[in-house]
Amino acid sequence: GYNKTIMKKLKINIKTDYGIFECVFEPDEVGYVVTCPSVEGVVSWGKNLSEAKKMAKEAVELCIEAKVQENIGKGKAARPVIGNRLTFR
């Protein structure tokens, strides 16, 4: 069963097509909720850690791609600058 004292929040680096991002994996009653503090909008979930990692990679990549398209539409630079936080120049 679910035991919060055993399942702790984890910080794991996830390799994506756009670089490596630290994601936070927080256990809930049936899996892991995933966020990525450096990429706004990333929230995902997986029934186990392996699935949560795959979902995190996909969520990070989709959020970056959406931001690129949004910036192109605004006439801004299309290339993201990836550091501590995702920004555009």
N, C-alpha and C. Protein backbone atom coordinates (compact mmCIF):
# COMPACT_ATOMS: atom_id res chain seq x y z
N GLY A 1 0.81 -1.20 0.00
CA GLY A 1 0.00 0.00 0.00
C GLY A 1 0.85 1.26 0.00
N TYR A 2 0.17 2.34 0.04
CA TYR A 2 0.78 3.66 -0.02
C TYR A 2 1.30 4.05 1.35
N ASN A 3 2.58 4.38 1.43
CA ASN A 3 3.18 4.75 2.71
C ASN A 3 4.09 5.95 2.46
N LYS A 4 3.61 7.14 2.82
CA LYS A 4 4.35 8.37 2.53
C LYS A 4 5.71 8.41 3.24
N THR A 5 5.88 7.67 4.32
CA THR A 5 7.17 7.69 5.00
C THR A 5 8.24 6.96 4.20
N ILE A 6 7.82 6.01 3.35
CA ILE A 6 8.77 5.28 2.53
C ILE A 6 8.98 5.99 1.19
N MET A 7 7.89 6.43 0.54
CA MET A 7 7.96 7.09 -0.76
C MET A 7 8.22 8.57 -0.55
N LYS A 8 9.42 9.01 -0.89
CA LYS A 8 9.80 10.41 -0.69
C LYS A 8 9.90 11.13 -2.03
N LYS A 9 9.80 12.44 -1.95
CA LYS A 9 9.97 13.27 -3.14
C LYS A 9 11.39 13.10 -3.66
N LEU A 10 11.50 12.95 -4.98
CA LEU A 10 12.79 12.73 -5.62
C LEU A 10 13.08 13.84 -6.63
N LYS A 11 14.34 14.22 -6.75
CA LYS A 11 14.79 15.12 -7.81
C LYS A 11 15.67 14.30 -8.74
N ILE A 12 15.26 14.22 -10.00
CA ILE A 12 15.97 13.38 -10.97
C ILE A 12 16.22 14.19 -12.23
N ASN A 13 17.43 14.11 -12.77
CA ASN A 13 17.75 14.76 -14.04
C ASN A 13 17.21 13.92 -15.18
N ILE A 14 16.43 14.57 -16.07
CA ILE A 14 15.81 13.90 -17.20
C ILE A 14 16.45 14.40 -18.49
N LYS A 15 16.97 13.47 -19.29
CA LYS A 15 17.58 13.82 -20.58
C LYS A 15 16.48 13.97 -21.62
N THR A 16 16.46 15.14 -22.28
CA THR A 16 15.47 15.40 -23.33
C THR A 16 16.20 15.77 -24.62
N ASP A 17 15.43 15.99 -25.67
CA ASP A 17 16.01 16.44 -26.94
C ASP A 17 16.60 17.84 -26.82
N TYR A 18 16.28 18.57 -25.74
CA TYR A 18 16.71 19.95 -25.55
C TYR A 18 17.70 20.11 -24.40
N GLY A 19 18.21 19.03 -23.89
CA GLY A 19 19.16 19.09 -22.80
C GLY A 19 18.66 18.30 -21.60
N ILE A 20 19.34 18.47 -20.49
CA ILE A 20 19.01 17.75 -19.27
C ILE A 20 18.33 18.71 -18.31
N PHE A 21 17.20 18.28 -17.75
CA PHE A 21 16.41 19.10 -16.85
C PHE A 21 16.15 18.35 -15.55
N GLU A 22 16.29 19.07 -14.43
CA GLU A 22 15.96 18.45 -13.14
C GLU A 22 14.44 18.50 -12.96
N CYS A 23 13.85 17.34 -12.74
CA CYS A 23 12.43 17.22 -12.50
C CYS A 23 12.19 16.72 -11.08
N VAL A 24 11.05 17.09 -10.53
CA VAL A 24 10.68 16.70 -9.17
C VAL A 24 9.58 15.64 -9.28
N PHE A 25 9.80 14.50 -8.66
CA PHE A 25 8.85 13.38 -8.66
C PHE A 25 8.30 13.25 -7.25
N GLU A 26 7.01 13.52 -7.11
CA GLU A 26 6.38 13.48 -5.80
C GLU A 26 5.34 12.38 -5.76
N PRO A 27 5.49 11.43 -4.83
CA PRO A 27 4.54 10.31 -4.78
C PRO A 27 3.15 10.78 -4.37
N ASP A 28 2.13 10.15 -4.99
CA ASP A 28 0.76 10.31 -4.52
C ASP A 28 0.23 8.91 -4.21
N GLU A 29 -1.04 8.78 -4.06
CA GLU A 29 -1.60 7.48 -3.64
C GLU A 29 -1.37 6.36 -4.64
N VAL A 30 -1.23 6.70 -5.94
CA VAL A 30 -1.15 5.66 -6.97
C VAL A 30 0.00 5.82 -7.96
N GLY A 31 0.90 6.75 -7.73
CA GLY A 31 2.00 6.94 -8.67
C GLY A 31 2.85 8.14 -8.29
N TYR A 32 3.34 8.85 -9.32
CA TYR A 32 4.19 10.02 -9.11
C TYR A 32 3.69 11.21 -9.92
N VAL A 33 3.56 12.34 -9.27
CA VAL A 33 3.30 13.62 -9.94
C VAL A 33 4.66 14.23 -10.26
N VAL A 34 4.81 14.72 -11.49
CA VAL A 34 6.09 15.25 -11.94
C VAL A 34 5.96 16.73 -12.29
N THR A 35 6.91 17.54 -11.83
CA THR A 35 7.01 18.94 -12.24
C THR A 35 8.46 19.21 -12.62
N CYS A 36 8.66 20.30 -13.34
CA CYS A 36 10.01 20.71 -13.74
C CYS A 36 10.12 22.20 -13.46
N PRO A 37 10.74 22.57 -12.34
CA PRO A 37 10.80 23.98 -11.95
C PRO A 37 11.40 24.92 -13.00
N SER A 38 12.31 24.43 -13.84
CA SER A 38 12.97 25.32 -14.81
C SER A 38 12.20 25.49 -16.11
N VAL A 39 11.12 24.72 -16.32
CA VAL A 39 10.31 24.86 -17.53
C VAL A 39 8.85 25.06 -17.11
N GLU A 40 8.39 26.29 -17.25
CA GLU A 40 7.04 26.64 -16.84
C GLU A 40 6.01 25.78 -17.57
N GLY A 41 5.04 25.28 -16.82
CA GLY A 41 3.94 24.53 -17.42
C GLY A 41 4.09 23.02 -17.38
N VAL A 42 5.24 22.53 -16.97
CA VAL A 42 5.45 21.08 -16.95
C VAL A 42 4.80 20.48 -15.71
N VAL A 43 3.78 19.67 -15.95
CA VAL A 43 3.15 18.86 -14.91
C VAL A 43 2.75 17.56 -15.59
N SER A 44 3.13 16.45 -15.01
CA SER A 44 2.78 15.16 -15.59
C SER A 44 2.60 14.14 -14.47
N TRP A 45 2.36 12.90 -14.84
CA TRP A 45 2.10 11.85 -13.86
C TRP A 45 2.46 10.50 -14.47
N GLY A 46 2.88 9.57 -13.62
CA GLY A 46 3.12 8.19 -14.05
C GLY A 46 2.76 7.24 -12.93
N LYS A 47 2.31 6.03 -13.31
CA LYS A 47 1.86 5.06 -12.29
C LYS A 47 3.03 4.46 -11.51
N ASN A 48 4.26 4.59 -12.08
CA ASN A 48 5.46 4.17 -11.37
C ASN A 48 6.59 5.10 -11.80
N LEU A 49 7.74 4.97 -11.19
CA LEU A 49 8.84 5.89 -11.47
C LEU A 49 9.30 5.81 -12.93
N SER A 50 9.35 4.62 -13.49
CA SER A 50 9.79 4.46 -14.87
C SER A 50 8.85 5.19 -15.83
N GLU A 51 7.55 4.99 -15.64
CA GLU A 51 6.57 5.67 -16.50
C GLU A 51 6.61 7.18 -16.27
N ALA A 52 6.76 7.59 -15.03
CA ALA A 52 6.81 9.01 -14.70
C ALA A 52 8.00 9.70 -15.38
N LYS A 53 9.14 9.01 -15.47
CA LYS A 53 10.32 9.57 -16.15
C LYS A 53 10.03 9.77 -17.64
N LYS A 54 9.39 8.79 -18.28
CA LYS A 54 9.05 8.92 -19.69
C LYS A 54 8.07 10.07 -19.91
N MET A 55 7.09 10.19 -19.02
CA MET A 55 6.10 11.25 -19.14
C MET A 55 6.75 12.62 -18.89
N ALA A 56 7.73 12.68 -17.98
CA ALA A 56 8.42 13.93 -17.70
C ALA A 56 9.18 14.40 -18.94
N LYS A 57 9.89 13.49 -19.60
CA LYS A 57 10.63 13.82 -20.83
C LYS A 57 9.68 14.39 -21.87
N GLU A 58 8.57 13.72 -22.08
CA GLU A 58 7.59 14.17 -23.06
C GLU A 58 7.01 15.54 -22.70
N ALA A 59 6.68 15.74 -21.43
CA ALA A 59 6.10 17.01 -20.98
C ALA A 59 7.08 18.17 -21.15
N VAL A 60 8.34 17.95 -20.79
CA VAL A 60 9.35 19.00 -20.95
C VAL A 60 9.50 19.37 -22.42
N GLU A 61 9.63 18.37 -23.27
CA GLU A 61 9.81 18.64 -24.70
C GLU A 61 8.60 19.36 -25.28
N LEU A 62 7.40 18.94 -24.93
CA LEU A 62 6.19 19.59 -25.46
C LEU A 62 6.07 21.03 -24.99
N CYS A 63 6.39 21.29 -23.73
CA CYS A 63 6.33 22.66 -23.21
C CYS A 63 7.34 23.56 -23.91
N ILE A 64 8.55 23.05 -24.13
CA ILE A 64 9.56 23.84 -24.84
C ILE A 64 9.11 24.12 -26.26
N GLU A 65 8.60 23.10 -26.95
CA GLU A 65 8.14 23.28 -28.33
C GLU A 65 6.98 24.27 -28.41
N ALA A 66 6.08 24.23 -27.44
CA ALA A 66 4.95 25.17 -27.41
C ALA A 66 5.45 26.60 -27.21
N LYS A 67 6.43 26.77 -26.32
CA LYS A 67 6.99 28.11 -26.07
C LYS A 67 7.72 28.64 -27.30
N VAL A 68 8.42 27.76 -28.02
CA VAL A 68 9.11 28.18 -29.24
C VAL A 68 8.07 28.68 -30.25
N GLN A 69 7.00 27.93 -30.45
CA GLN A 69 5.97 28.33 -31.41
C GLN A 69 5.30 29.63 -30.98
N GLU A 70 5.05 29.78 -29.69
CA GLU A 70 4.45 31.00 -29.16
C GLU A 70 5.34 32.21 -29.43
N ASN A 71 6.63 32.06 -29.25
CA ASN A 71 7.57 33.15 -29.47
C ASN A 71 7.73 33.48 -30.95
N ILE A 72 7.69 32.47 -31.81
CA ILE A 72 7.75 32.72 -33.26
C ILE A 72 6.54 33.57 -33.66
N GLY A 73 5.37 33.23 -33.12
CA GLY A 73 4.15 33.98 -33.42
C GLY A 73 4.22 35.42 -32.95
N LYS A 74 5.02 35.69 -31.94
CA LYS A 74 5.18 37.05 -31.42
C LYS A 74 6.35 37.78 -32.07
N GLY A 75 7.01 37.12 -33.03
CA GLY A 75 8.14 37.74 -33.70
C GLY A 75 9.42 37.72 -32.89
N LYS A 76 9.46 36.88 -31.88
CA LYS A 76 10.66 36.78 -31.05
C LYS A 76 11.55 35.66 -31.56
N ALA A 77 12.71 35.54 -30.96
CA ALA A 77 13.66 34.49 -31.34
C ALA A 77 13.03 33.11 -31.18
N ALA A 78 13.37 32.25 -32.09
CA ALA A 78 12.82 30.90 -32.07
C ALA A 78 13.64 29.93 -31.23
N ARG A 79 14.89 30.30 -30.93
CA ARG A 79 15.76 29.37 -30.20
C ARG A 79 15.69 29.62 -28.70
N PRO A 80 15.36 28.58 -27.94
CA PRO A 80 15.39 28.75 -26.49
C PRO A 80 16.81 28.78 -25.96
N VAL A 81 17.02 29.53 -24.91
CA VAL A 81 18.30 29.55 -24.20
C VAL A 81 18.08 28.78 -22.92
N ILE A 82 18.73 27.65 -22.80
CA ILE A 82 18.49 26.77 -21.67
C ILE A 82 19.61 26.92 -20.65
N GLY A 83 19.22 27.35 -19.47
CA GLY A 83 20.16 27.48 -18.36
C GLY A 83 19.42 27.03 -17.13
N ASN A 84 19.41 27.85 -16.09
CA ASN A 84 18.65 27.51 -14.90
C ASN A 84 17.16 27.57 -15.16
N ARG A 85 16.76 28.47 -16.07
CA ARG A 85 15.36 28.58 -16.47
C ARG A 85 15.31 28.71 -18.00
N LEU A 86 14.24 28.25 -18.57
CA LEU A 86 14.05 28.35 -20.03
C LEU A 86 13.69 29.79 -20.37
N THR A 87 14.50 30.44 -21.23
CA THR A 87 14.23 31.80 -21.66
C THR A 87 14.45 31.87 -23.17
N PHE A 88 14.03 32.99 -23.75
CA PHE A 88 14.22 33.19 -25.20
C PHE A 88 14.91 34.52 -25.41
N ARG A 89 15.76 34.56 -26.44
CA ARG A 89 16.45 35.81 -26.79
C ARG A 89 16.02 36.23 -28.18
